[in-house]
Amino acid sequence: MSNKKFHGQDKRETVGNFFVYEIWENFMPDKLAGGEKLQYFPGILSEEQIRILIPFWKDLGVKLNDPILSLQLDKNGGTTTLYQYTDGRDEAPPNARCGIIKPIMEKGIKKMVLADSTRSTFVLHVSVNSSSLENDIRDFVSIIENNSLTEDELREKGAQEEVFSNTFVFDKRNNKTII
């Protein structure tokens, strides 16, 4: 029996709603160009804020080959997502070193999500250089600001949900294939 531990940010004691953004290199979840965690409030990403932040986020990603903008809303503290290697290493995988839930980019990483019915996490991944960047952000904002959407409606809007996890991911990256 393995006694390796899972790594990541344990949010089970976290109270409140938080908004996080990160600019990172596609396929390298821990190669960050910038990011910030803020207390969430409705309207945090108004139309005016979006127009101001897009050039800022693009500037942050200029030194990356394939920059990705990730936005995450943790409601009621959010879900806890932890990772471990399955090959015996007892170190934090790249995904565990980030504030945002990102796709697993290498084989041999196991993910565990701790959630309950009162906590949820919403994530958007979008290519910074995408022609639909602004629309994708607007669509995501309309989702996170609408507290009445059902899980079925979230899936209809493109959410990839892990069963029983209360984690809803909208992956709009242009390139999702690892070469």
N, C-alpha and C. Protein backbone atom coordinates (compact mmCIF):
# COMPACT_ATOMS: atom_id res chain seq x y z
N MET A 1 0.84 -1.19 0.00
CA MET A 1 0.00 0.00 0.00
C MET A 1 0.88 1.24 0.00
N SER A 2 0.55 2.19 -0.85
CA SER A 2 1.33 3.41 -0.96
C SER A 2 0.88 4.42 0.09
N ASN A 3 1.87 5.12 0.66
CA ASN A 3 1.51 6.17 1.60
C ASN A 3 1.94 7.55 1.07
N LYS A 4 2.10 7.63 -0.25
CA LYS A 4 2.39 8.92 -0.86
C LYS A 4 1.21 9.84 -0.64
N LYS A 5 1.51 11.10 -0.50
CA LYS A 5 0.41 12.04 -0.28
C LYS A 5 0.04 12.74 -1.58
N PHE A 6 -1.18 13.23 -1.60
CA PHE A 6 -1.63 14.06 -2.70
C PHE A 6 -1.17 15.49 -2.42
N HIS A 7 -0.91 16.24 -3.49
CA HIS A 7 -0.40 17.61 -3.37
C HIS A 7 -1.39 18.59 -3.99
N GLY A 8 -1.43 19.79 -3.47
CA GLY A 8 -2.29 20.83 -4.02
C GLY A 8 -2.76 21.74 -2.92
N GLN A 9 -3.72 22.58 -3.26
CA GLN A 9 -4.26 23.55 -2.30
C GLN A 9 -5.54 23.00 -1.69
N ASP A 10 -5.48 22.72 -0.40
CA ASP A 10 -6.64 22.22 0.30
C ASP A 10 -7.55 23.39 0.66
N LYS A 11 -8.73 23.44 0.06
CA LYS A 11 -9.66 24.56 0.26
C LYS A 11 -10.81 24.21 1.20
N ARG A 12 -10.73 23.07 1.87
CA ARG A 12 -11.88 22.64 2.68
C ARG A 12 -12.21 23.60 3.81
N GLU A 13 -11.24 24.37 4.28
CA GLU A 13 -11.50 25.34 5.35
C GLU A 13 -11.68 26.76 4.82
N THR A 14 -11.61 26.93 3.51
CA THR A 14 -11.72 28.26 2.90
C THR A 14 -13.18 28.73 2.91
N VAL A 15 -13.36 29.98 3.27
CA VAL A 15 -14.69 30.57 3.30
C VAL A 15 -14.71 31.75 2.33
N GLY A 16 -15.78 31.89 1.58
CA GLY A 16 -15.92 33.03 0.69
C GLY A 16 -15.82 32.63 -0.77
N ASN A 17 -16.01 33.62 -1.62
CA ASN A 17 -15.94 33.43 -3.07
C ASN A 17 -14.68 34.12 -3.59
N PHE A 18 -13.91 33.40 -4.41
CA PHE A 18 -12.65 33.93 -4.90
C PHE A 18 -12.56 33.81 -6.41
N PHE A 19 -11.95 34.82 -7.01
CA PHE A 19 -11.71 34.86 -8.45
C PHE A 19 -10.21 34.84 -8.66
N VAL A 20 -9.75 33.94 -9.52
CA VAL A 20 -8.32 33.78 -9.79
C VAL A 20 -8.11 33.85 -11.29
N TYR A 21 -7.01 34.52 -11.69
CA TYR A 21 -6.61 34.43 -13.09
C TYR A 21 -5.13 34.02 -13.14
N GLU A 22 -4.77 33.30 -14.18
CA GLU A 22 -3.37 32.96 -14.45
C GLU A 22 -3.14 32.99 -15.95
N ILE A 23 -1.95 33.46 -16.34
CA ILE A 23 -1.47 33.36 -17.71
C ILE A 23 -0.36 32.32 -17.66
N TRP A 24 -0.47 31.27 -18.47
CA TRP A 24 0.48 30.16 -18.41
C TRP A 24 0.76 29.62 -19.80
N GLU A 25 1.85 28.88 -19.89
CA GLU A 25 2.26 28.25 -21.15
C GLU A 25 1.46 26.98 -21.37
N ASN A 26 0.78 26.89 -22.52
CA ASN A 26 0.01 25.69 -22.83
C ASN A 26 0.89 24.45 -22.69
N PHE A 27 0.36 23.42 -22.09
CA PHE A 27 1.02 22.13 -21.85
C PHE A 27 2.07 22.19 -20.74
N MET A 28 2.25 23.34 -20.10
CA MET A 28 3.20 23.49 -18.99
C MET A 28 2.46 24.21 -17.85
N PRO A 29 1.59 23.50 -17.14
CA PRO A 29 0.68 24.17 -16.20
C PRO A 29 1.34 24.98 -15.10
N ASP A 30 2.61 24.72 -14.81
CA ASP A 30 3.26 25.49 -13.74
C ASP A 30 4.20 26.57 -14.27
N LYS A 31 4.22 26.80 -15.59
CA LYS A 31 5.02 27.88 -16.16
C LYS A 31 4.12 29.11 -16.30
N LEU A 32 4.13 29.93 -15.26
CA LEU A 32 3.22 31.08 -15.18
C LEU A 32 3.92 32.37 -15.58
N ALA A 33 3.19 33.22 -16.29
CA ALA A 33 3.68 34.57 -16.60
C ALA A 33 3.04 35.58 -15.65
N GLY A 34 1.98 35.20 -14.99
CA GLY A 34 1.33 36.09 -14.05
C GLY A 34 0.03 35.50 -13.55
N GLY A 35 -0.46 36.07 -12.46
CA GLY A 35 -1.72 35.61 -11.90
C GLY A 35 -2.04 36.36 -10.63
N GLU A 36 -3.28 36.24 -10.21
CA GLU A 36 -3.71 36.93 -9.00
C GLU A 36 -4.99 36.28 -8.49
N LYS A 37 -5.14 36.30 -7.17
CA LYS A 37 -6.36 35.81 -6.51
C LYS A 37 -7.02 36.99 -5.83
N LEU A 38 -8.31 37.17 -6.11
CA LEU A 38 -9.07 38.31 -5.59
C LEU A 38 -10.36 37.84 -4.94
N GLN A 39 -10.84 38.60 -3.99
CA GLN A 39 -12.17 38.34 -3.44
C GLN A 39 -13.17 38.59 -4.57
N TYR A 40 -14.06 37.65 -4.80
CA TYR A 40 -15.04 37.78 -5.89
C TYR A 40 -16.24 38.61 -5.44
N PHE A 41 -16.73 39.41 -6.35
CA PHE A 41 -18.00 40.11 -6.17
C PHE A 41 -18.68 40.18 -7.53
N PRO A 42 -20.02 40.16 -7.57
CA PRO A 42 -20.71 40.25 -8.86
C PRO A 42 -20.27 41.52 -9.61
N GLY A 43 -20.01 41.36 -10.87
CA GLY A 43 -19.57 42.48 -11.70
C GLY A 43 -18.07 42.68 -11.71
N ILE A 44 -17.32 41.76 -11.11
CA ILE A 44 -15.85 41.90 -11.06
C ILE A 44 -15.26 42.01 -12.47
N LEU A 45 -15.90 41.36 -13.43
CA LEU A 45 -15.46 41.46 -14.82
C LEU A 45 -16.54 42.14 -15.65
N SER A 46 -16.69 43.43 -15.44
CA SER A 46 -17.64 44.22 -16.23
C SER A 46 -17.09 44.35 -17.66
N GLU A 47 -17.93 44.81 -18.56
CA GLU A 47 -17.50 45.04 -19.95
C GLU A 47 -16.26 45.94 -19.98
N GLU A 48 -16.28 46.99 -19.19
CA GLU A 48 -15.14 47.92 -19.15
C GLU A 48 -13.88 47.22 -18.62
N GLN A 49 -14.03 46.44 -17.57
CA GLN A 49 -12.87 45.71 -17.01
C GLN A 49 -12.30 44.73 -18.03
N ILE A 50 -13.17 44.04 -18.72
CA ILE A 50 -12.71 43.07 -19.73
C ILE A 50 -11.87 43.79 -20.79
N ARG A 51 -12.36 44.93 -21.29
CA ARG A 51 -11.63 45.69 -22.32
C ARG A 51 -10.27 46.17 -21.79
N ILE A 52 -10.19 46.50 -20.52
CA ILE A 52 -8.93 46.95 -19.93
C ILE A 52 -7.98 45.77 -19.69
N LEU A 53 -8.53 44.64 -19.22
CA LEU A 53 -7.69 43.51 -18.82
C LEU A 53 -7.15 42.71 -20.00
N ILE A 54 -7.86 42.63 -21.10
CA ILE A 54 -7.37 41.82 -22.23
C ILE A 54 -5.99 42.28 -22.70
N PRO A 55 -5.74 43.57 -22.96
CA PRO A 55 -4.37 43.97 -23.34
C PRO A 55 -3.34 43.67 -22.24
N PHE A 56 -3.75 43.83 -20.98
CA PHE A 56 -2.85 43.51 -19.86
C PHE A 56 -2.49 42.03 -19.87
N TRP A 57 -3.49 41.15 -20.02
CA TRP A 57 -3.23 39.72 -20.05
C TRP A 57 -2.39 39.34 -21.27
N LYS A 58 -2.64 39.96 -22.42
CA LYS A 58 -1.85 39.68 -23.62
C LYS A 58 -0.39 40.09 -23.39
N ASP A 59 -0.16 41.23 -22.75
CA ASP A 59 1.20 41.67 -22.44
C ASP A 59 1.90 40.67 -21.50
N LEU A 60 1.17 40.15 -20.52
CA LEU A 60 1.77 39.16 -19.61
C LEU A 60 2.22 37.91 -20.37
N GLY A 61 1.46 37.53 -21.39
CA GLY A 61 1.76 36.30 -22.11
C GLY A 61 2.69 36.44 -23.28
N VAL A 62 3.22 37.64 -23.53
CA VAL A 62 4.01 37.89 -24.74
C VAL A 62 5.27 37.02 -24.83
N LYS A 63 5.85 36.63 -23.71
CA LYS A 63 7.08 35.83 -23.73
C LYS A 63 6.82 34.33 -23.79
N LEU A 64 5.57 33.95 -23.80
CA LEU A 64 5.21 32.53 -23.88
C LEU A 64 4.91 32.16 -25.32
N ASN A 65 5.17 30.90 -25.67
CA ASN A 65 4.92 30.44 -27.04
C ASN A 65 3.43 30.30 -27.34
N ASP A 66 2.69 29.75 -26.41
CA ASP A 66 1.26 29.50 -26.59
C ASP A 66 0.56 29.89 -25.29
N PRO A 67 0.42 31.21 -25.03
CA PRO A 67 -0.12 31.65 -23.74
C PRO A 67 -1.61 31.34 -23.59
N ILE A 68 -1.93 30.88 -22.39
CA ILE A 68 -3.32 30.55 -22.05
C ILE A 68 -3.75 31.45 -20.90
N LEU A 69 -4.96 31.98 -20.99
CA LEU A 69 -5.58 32.70 -19.89
C LEU A 69 -6.55 31.73 -19.22
N SER A 70 -6.39 31.57 -17.93
CA SER A 70 -7.34 30.77 -17.16
C SER A 70 -7.99 31.66 -16.12
N LEU A 71 -9.30 31.55 -16.04
CA LEU A 71 -10.08 32.26 -15.04
C LEU A 71 -10.79 31.20 -14.20
N GLN A 72 -10.84 31.42 -12.90
CA GLN A 72 -11.48 30.46 -12.02
C GLN A 72 -12.28 31.20 -10.96
N LEU A 73 -13.50 30.75 -10.76
CA LEU A 73 -14.33 31.24 -9.66
C LEU A 73 -14.54 30.10 -8.69
N ASP A 74 -14.15 30.32 -7.45
CA ASP A 74 -14.41 29.36 -6.38
C ASP A 74 -15.56 29.90 -5.55
N LYS A 75 -16.71 29.23 -5.64
CA LYS A 75 -17.88 29.63 -4.85
C LYS A 75 -17.88 28.88 -3.53
N ASN A 76 -18.14 29.62 -2.45
CA ASN A 76 -18.14 29.04 -1.11
C ASN A 76 -16.84 28.31 -0.80
N GLY A 77 -15.73 28.86 -1.24
CA GLY A 77 -14.42 28.27 -1.01
C GLY A 77 -13.92 27.42 -2.17
N GLY A 78 -14.81 26.91 -2.98
CA GLY A 78 -14.42 26.11 -4.14
C GLY A 78 -14.13 24.66 -3.78
N THR A 79 -13.90 23.88 -4.82
CA THR A 79 -13.56 22.46 -4.63
C THR A 79 -12.05 22.32 -4.45
N THR A 80 -11.66 21.32 -3.72
CA THR A 80 -10.25 21.01 -3.53
C THR A 80 -9.84 19.97 -4.55
N THR A 81 -8.82 20.28 -5.34
CA THR A 81 -8.30 19.34 -6.33
C THR A 81 -6.85 19.06 -5.98
N LEU A 82 -6.54 17.78 -5.78
CA LEU A 82 -5.20 17.36 -5.37
C LEU A 82 -4.65 16.38 -6.41
N TYR A 83 -3.32 16.31 -6.49
CA TYR A 83 -2.66 15.49 -7.50
C TYR A 83 -1.54 14.67 -6.87
N GLN A 84 -1.23 13.52 -7.50
CA GLN A 84 -0.05 12.75 -7.13
C GLN A 84 0.43 11.96 -8.35
N TYR A 85 1.74 11.67 -8.35
CA TYR A 85 2.30 10.81 -9.40
C TYR A 85 1.95 9.37 -9.07
N THR A 86 1.73 8.57 -10.11
CA THR A 86 1.42 7.16 -9.90
C THR A 86 2.65 6.27 -10.02
N ASP A 87 3.82 6.86 -10.31
CA ASP A 87 5.03 6.06 -10.54
C ASP A 87 5.97 6.01 -9.33
N GLY A 88 5.49 6.40 -8.17
CA GLY A 88 6.32 6.31 -6.98
C GLY A 88 6.94 7.62 -6.51
N ARG A 89 6.98 8.62 -7.37
CA ARG A 89 7.52 9.91 -6.94
C ARG A 89 6.60 10.54 -5.90
N ASP A 90 7.19 11.08 -4.86
CA ASP A 90 6.40 11.76 -3.83
C ASP A 90 6.74 13.24 -3.85
N GLU A 91 6.47 13.86 -4.99
CA GLU A 91 6.68 15.29 -5.16
C GLU A 91 5.43 15.87 -5.82
N ALA A 92 5.30 17.15 -5.76
CA ALA A 92 4.11 17.80 -6.32
C ALA A 92 4.19 17.83 -7.85
N PRO A 93 3.21 17.25 -8.53
CA PRO A 93 3.15 17.38 -9.99
C PRO A 93 2.91 18.85 -10.38
N PRO A 94 3.19 19.21 -11.63
CA PRO A 94 3.04 20.60 -12.06
C PRO A 94 1.67 21.19 -11.74
N ASN A 95 0.61 20.43 -11.93
CA ASN A 95 -0.74 20.94 -11.68
C ASN A 95 -0.94 21.33 -10.21
N ALA A 96 -0.26 20.66 -9.31
CA ALA A 96 -0.42 20.94 -7.88
C ALA A 96 0.27 22.23 -7.46
N ARG A 97 1.09 22.78 -8.34
CA ARG A 97 1.83 24.01 -8.01
C ARG A 97 1.12 25.26 -8.50
N CYS A 98 -0.15 25.13 -8.88
CA CYS A 98 -0.89 26.25 -9.46
C CYS A 98 -2.13 26.55 -8.62
N GLY A 99 -2.66 27.73 -8.82
CA GLY A 99 -3.87 28.10 -8.12
C GLY A 99 -5.13 27.73 -8.88
N ILE A 100 -4.98 27.39 -10.14
CA ILE A 100 -6.14 27.09 -11.00
C ILE A 100 -6.09 25.63 -11.44
N ILE A 101 -7.25 25.01 -11.50
CA ILE A 101 -7.35 23.63 -11.99
C ILE A 101 -7.07 23.66 -13.49
N LYS A 102 -6.07 22.88 -13.92
CA LYS A 102 -5.70 22.83 -15.34
C LYS A 102 -5.72 21.39 -15.83
N PRO A 103 -5.82 21.20 -17.14
CA PRO A 103 -5.78 19.83 -17.67
C PRO A 103 -4.47 19.15 -17.29
N ILE A 104 -4.55 17.86 -17.06
CA ILE A 104 -3.33 17.08 -16.78
C ILE A 104 -2.61 16.88 -18.10
N MET A 105 -1.31 17.25 -18.13
CA MET A 105 -0.56 17.27 -19.38
C MET A 105 0.42 16.11 -19.54
N GLU A 106 0.54 15.28 -18.53
CA GLU A 106 1.46 14.16 -18.66
C GLU A 106 0.86 12.91 -18.05
N LYS A 107 1.30 11.78 -18.57
CA LYS A 107 0.81 10.51 -18.06
C LYS A 107 1.37 10.28 -16.66
N GLY A 108 0.66 9.48 -15.90
CA GLY A 108 1.15 9.11 -14.58
C GLY A 108 0.81 10.09 -13.47
N ILE A 109 -0.18 10.94 -13.72
CA ILE A 109 -0.64 11.84 -12.66
C ILE A 109 -2.09 11.49 -12.36
N LYS A 110 -2.36 11.30 -11.09
CA LYS A 110 -3.71 10.99 -10.63
C LYS A 110 -4.28 12.22 -9.96
N LYS A 111 -5.57 12.46 -10.16
CA LYS A 111 -6.24 13.62 -9.60
C LYS A 111 -7.33 13.15 -8.64
N MET A 112 -7.48 13.87 -7.53
CA MET A 112 -8.54 13.60 -6.58
C MET A 112 -9.25 14.93 -6.29
N VAL A 113 -10.58 14.92 -6.38
CA VAL A 113 -11.37 16.12 -6.12
C VAL A 113 -12.20 15.89 -4.86
N LEU A 114 -12.08 16.83 -3.92
CA LEU A 114 -12.88 16.78 -2.69
C LEU A 114 -13.92 17.87 -2.80
N ALA A 115 -15.18 17.48 -2.81
CA ALA A 115 -16.24 18.47 -2.98
C ALA A 115 -17.43 18.08 -2.12
N ASP A 116 -18.25 19.06 -1.87
CA ASP A 116 -19.54 18.80 -1.26
C ASP A 116 -20.57 19.65 -1.97
N SER A 117 -21.81 19.51 -1.59
CA SER A 117 -22.88 20.16 -2.34
C SER A 117 -22.89 21.68 -2.19
N THR A 118 -22.13 22.23 -1.24
CA THR A 118 -22.16 23.68 -1.02
C THR A 118 -21.02 24.41 -1.73
N ARG A 119 -20.03 23.70 -2.24
CA ARG A 119 -18.86 24.31 -2.87
C ARG A 119 -18.84 23.98 -4.35
N SER A 120 -18.40 24.94 -5.16
CA SER A 120 -18.26 24.68 -6.59
C SER A 120 -17.15 25.53 -7.17
N THR A 121 -16.61 25.06 -8.28
CA THR A 121 -15.54 25.76 -8.98
C THR A 121 -15.86 25.80 -10.47
N PHE A 122 -15.68 26.97 -11.06
CA PHE A 122 -15.91 27.19 -12.49
C PHE A 122 -14.59 27.66 -13.09
N VAL A 123 -14.16 27.05 -14.21
CA VAL A 123 -12.87 27.36 -14.81
C VAL A 123 -13.03 27.58 -16.31
N LEU A 124 -12.33 28.61 -16.81
CA LEU A 124 -12.22 28.85 -18.24
C LEU A 124 -10.75 28.82 -18.62
N HIS A 125 -10.42 28.05 -19.66
CA HIS A 125 -9.09 28.09 -20.28
C HIS A 125 -9.29 28.57 -21.72
N VAL A 126 -8.59 29.62 -22.10
CA VAL A 126 -8.74 30.15 -23.45
C VAL A 126 -7.38 30.65 -23.94
N SER A 127 -7.10 30.43 -25.20
CA SER A 127 -5.86 30.91 -25.79
C SER A 127 -5.87 32.43 -25.83
N VAL A 128 -4.80 33.04 -25.32
CA VAL A 128 -4.71 34.50 -25.28
C VAL A 128 -4.78 35.09 -26.68
N ASN A 129 -4.26 34.38 -27.66
CA ASN A 129 -4.24 34.89 -29.03
C ASN A 129 -5.46 34.48 -29.85
N SER A 130 -6.47 33.95 -29.19
CA SER A 130 -7.68 33.51 -29.89
C SER A 130 -8.49 34.72 -30.36
N SER A 131 -9.06 34.60 -31.56
CA SER A 131 -9.91 35.67 -32.07
C SER A 131 -11.21 35.77 -31.28
N SER A 132 -11.54 34.73 -30.54
CA SER A 132 -12.79 34.74 -29.76
C SER A 132 -12.54 34.99 -28.26
N LEU A 133 -11.34 35.46 -27.91
CA LEU A 133 -10.98 35.66 -26.50
C LEU A 133 -12.02 36.49 -25.76
N GLU A 134 -12.34 37.65 -26.27
CA GLU A 134 -13.27 38.54 -25.57
C GLU A 134 -14.66 37.90 -25.43
N ASN A 135 -15.15 37.27 -26.50
CA ASN A 135 -16.45 36.60 -26.42
C ASN A 135 -16.44 35.43 -25.45
N ASP A 136 -15.36 34.67 -25.44
CA ASP A 136 -15.25 33.54 -24.52
C ASP A 136 -15.27 34.02 -23.07
N ILE A 137 -14.59 35.13 -22.79
CA ILE A 137 -14.59 35.70 -21.44
C ILE A 137 -16.00 36.18 -21.08
N ARG A 138 -16.64 36.88 -22.00
CA ARG A 138 -18.01 37.36 -21.75
C ARG A 138 -18.97 36.21 -21.46
N ASP A 139 -18.86 35.15 -22.27
CA ASP A 139 -19.73 33.98 -22.06
C ASP A 139 -19.49 33.37 -20.68
N PHE A 140 -18.22 33.27 -20.29
CA PHE A 140 -17.88 32.70 -18.98
C PHE A 140 -18.44 33.58 -17.86
N VAL A 141 -18.28 34.89 -18.01
CA VAL A 141 -18.80 35.82 -16.99
C VAL A 141 -20.31 35.66 -16.86
N SER A 142 -21.01 35.53 -17.99
CA SER A 142 -22.47 35.37 -17.91
C SER A 142 -22.84 34.07 -17.18
N ILE A 143 -22.00 33.06 -17.29
CA ILE A 143 -22.25 31.79 -16.60
C ILE A 143 -22.00 31.94 -15.09
N ILE A 144 -20.86 32.52 -14.72
CA ILE A 144 -20.53 32.59 -13.29
C ILE A 144 -21.42 33.58 -12.54
N GLU A 145 -22.00 34.52 -13.27
CA GLU A 145 -22.87 35.50 -12.61
C GLU A 145 -24.32 35.03 -12.55
N ASN A 146 -24.62 33.91 -13.20
CA ASN A 146 -25.98 33.37 -13.20
C ASN A 146 -26.03 32.23 -12.18
N ASN A 147 -26.63 32.47 -11.05
CA ASN A 147 -26.66 31.47 -9.98
C ASN A 147 -27.77 30.44 -10.14
N SER A 148 -28.53 30.52 -11.22
CA SER A 148 -29.66 29.60 -11.35
C SER A 148 -29.46 28.53 -12.42
N LEU A 149 -28.27 28.45 -13.03
CA LEU A 149 -28.04 27.44 -14.07
C LEU A 149 -27.96 26.04 -13.44
N THR A 150 -28.62 25.09 -14.08
CA THR A 150 -28.54 23.71 -13.63
C THR A 150 -27.29 23.06 -14.22
N GLU A 151 -26.93 21.89 -13.71
CA GLU A 151 -25.78 21.17 -14.26
C GLU A 151 -25.99 20.84 -15.73
N ASP A 152 -27.20 20.48 -16.11
CA ASP A 152 -27.49 20.19 -17.52
C ASP A 152 -27.30 21.43 -18.39
N GLU A 153 -27.74 22.59 -17.91
CA GLU A 153 -27.56 23.83 -18.65
C GLU A 153 -26.08 24.20 -18.77
N LEU A 154 -25.31 23.94 -17.73
CA LEU A 154 -23.87 24.19 -17.78
C LEU A 154 -23.21 23.30 -18.84
N ARG A 155 -23.60 22.04 -18.88
CA ARG A 155 -23.05 21.13 -19.89
C ARG A 155 -23.45 21.58 -21.29
N GLU A 156 -24.69 22.06 -21.46
CA GLU A 156 -25.14 22.57 -22.77
C GLU A 156 -24.29 23.76 -23.21
N LYS A 157 -23.78 24.53 -22.27
CA LYS A 157 -22.94 25.70 -22.57
C LYS A 157 -21.47 25.31 -22.74
N GLY A 158 -21.17 24.00 -22.68
CA GLY A 158 -19.82 23.53 -22.96
C GLY A 158 -19.00 23.10 -21.77
N ALA A 159 -19.59 23.05 -20.59
CA ALA A 159 -18.83 22.63 -19.40
C ALA A 159 -18.51 21.15 -19.46
N GLN A 160 -17.27 20.85 -19.11
CA GLN A 160 -16.86 19.46 -18.92
C GLN A 160 -16.87 19.26 -17.41
N GLU A 161 -17.78 18.43 -16.95
CA GLU A 161 -17.93 18.25 -15.52
C GLU A 161 -17.47 16.86 -15.13
N GLU A 162 -16.74 16.80 -14.04
CA GLU A 162 -16.39 15.50 -13.50
C GLU A 162 -17.50 15.10 -12.55
N VAL A 163 -17.92 13.86 -12.64
CA VAL A 163 -19.05 13.37 -11.87
C VAL A 163 -18.85 13.64 -10.39
N PHE A 164 -19.86 14.18 -9.76
CA PHE A 164 -19.92 14.45 -8.32
C PHE A 164 -18.84 15.41 -7.83
N SER A 165 -18.23 16.21 -8.70
CA SER A 165 -17.13 17.04 -8.23
C SER A 165 -17.50 18.50 -8.04
N ASN A 166 -18.62 18.95 -8.61
CA ASN A 166 -18.99 20.37 -8.58
C ASN A 166 -17.92 21.25 -9.20
N THR A 167 -17.17 20.70 -10.14
CA THR A 167 -16.14 21.43 -10.87
C THR A 167 -16.56 21.46 -12.34
N PHE A 168 -16.67 22.67 -12.90
CA PHE A 168 -17.13 22.84 -14.27
C PHE A 168 -16.06 23.57 -15.06
N VAL A 169 -15.50 22.89 -16.06
CA VAL A 169 -14.38 23.43 -16.84
C VAL A 169 -14.84 23.71 -18.27
N PHE A 170 -14.52 24.91 -18.74
CA PHE A 170 -14.78 25.32 -20.12
C PHE A 170 -13.42 25.46 -20.78
N ASP A 171 -13.01 24.45 -21.54
CA ASP A 171 -11.68 24.44 -22.16
C ASP A 171 -11.80 24.92 -23.60
N LYS A 172 -11.43 26.18 -23.83
CA LYS A 172 -11.54 26.81 -25.15
C LYS A 172 -10.16 27.02 -25.78
N ARG A 173 -9.14 26.30 -25.30
CA ARG A 173 -7.81 26.47 -25.87
C ARG A 173 -7.82 26.09 -27.34
N ASN A 174 -7.06 26.83 -28.17
CA ASN A 174 -6.97 26.51 -29.59
C ASN A 174 -6.28 25.18 -29.81
N ASN A 175 -5.25 24.90 -29.05
CA ASN A 175 -4.46 23.70 -29.21
C ASN A 175 -4.55 22.86 -27.95
N LYS A 176 -5.22 21.69 -28.06
CA LYS A 176 -5.38 20.80 -26.90
C LYS A 176 -4.61 19.50 -27.07
N THR A 177 -3.86 19.38 -28.18
CA THR A 177 -3.16 18.14 -28.49
C THR A 177 -1.69 18.25 -28.10
N ILE A 178 -1.26 17.34 -27.25
CA ILE A 178 0.15 17.29 -26.85
C ILE A 178 0.91 16.56 -27.95
N ILE A 179 1.96 17.19 -28.43
CA ILE A 179 2.75 16.59 -29.52
C ILE A 179 3.91 15.81 -28.94
